[in-house]
């Protein structure tokens, strides 16, 4: 009975409808969280079920007998614990080893791949587009769906932290150092980002937005941003001039 309830609870969590992932990073992290939650709920219900059964079964026992050694039981819970820890370790390592969660430090960015250079100011964010003439936008970054996007994050003066919770993105912004994270935006929309490292009196206003647009609209959005900043968009080369 207890096992049945545990399995049903785990299946209920695993099959519950979830919102579409905003990025590949978000999907990987929440997928891991769901797996661990299923295991945690199953174990919790099993342990609580055994506890409740024991309390009810022996509540009127006025002459309890001493506990006897049971090697089978000891081996069973030792093996079960080892299997749970192995599952948690392998699952976590598999996700953390994904480049979209932990990007290798020696991974080079190809000129053909979408790179956004993120520069933390005091107190604002500038985003540069090296693939499109290296023009910049302030406190708003535009990225396409279903393409690998690299965020190369640095800072001019102080320590900041680039954080977009709804996309599961976070990276330190350090002066004189470039830290790169990558992801694949999957769901169009506007996502709020902010500085997650206290950086002085302007910290609370150091916010930005990530605008994710379909691939066929990406260059049009960049052209609008280019012209809004006083530049001229070269549609042939997809670059911003001036």
Foldseek 3Di string as FASTA:
>chain_A
DLQVVLVVVLVCLVPDDDDDAQWPLRVLVVVLVSVVVSVVSSVVSSVVVVVVCVCVVCVPPPDDDDDDDDVVVVVVVVVVVVVSVVVNVVSVVVSCPDQQNPNDPPDDDDLVAWEWEWEQEVHWIWIFTVNAARDIDIQEAEDEAQGKYKYWAAYDDDKWWKDFPSNRDIDIHYHPDTDMHIIGGHDFDKTKIATPDDDDDCRVVHIHIYGYYHPVCRLVVVQVRLVVVVWHADPVSSHTHD
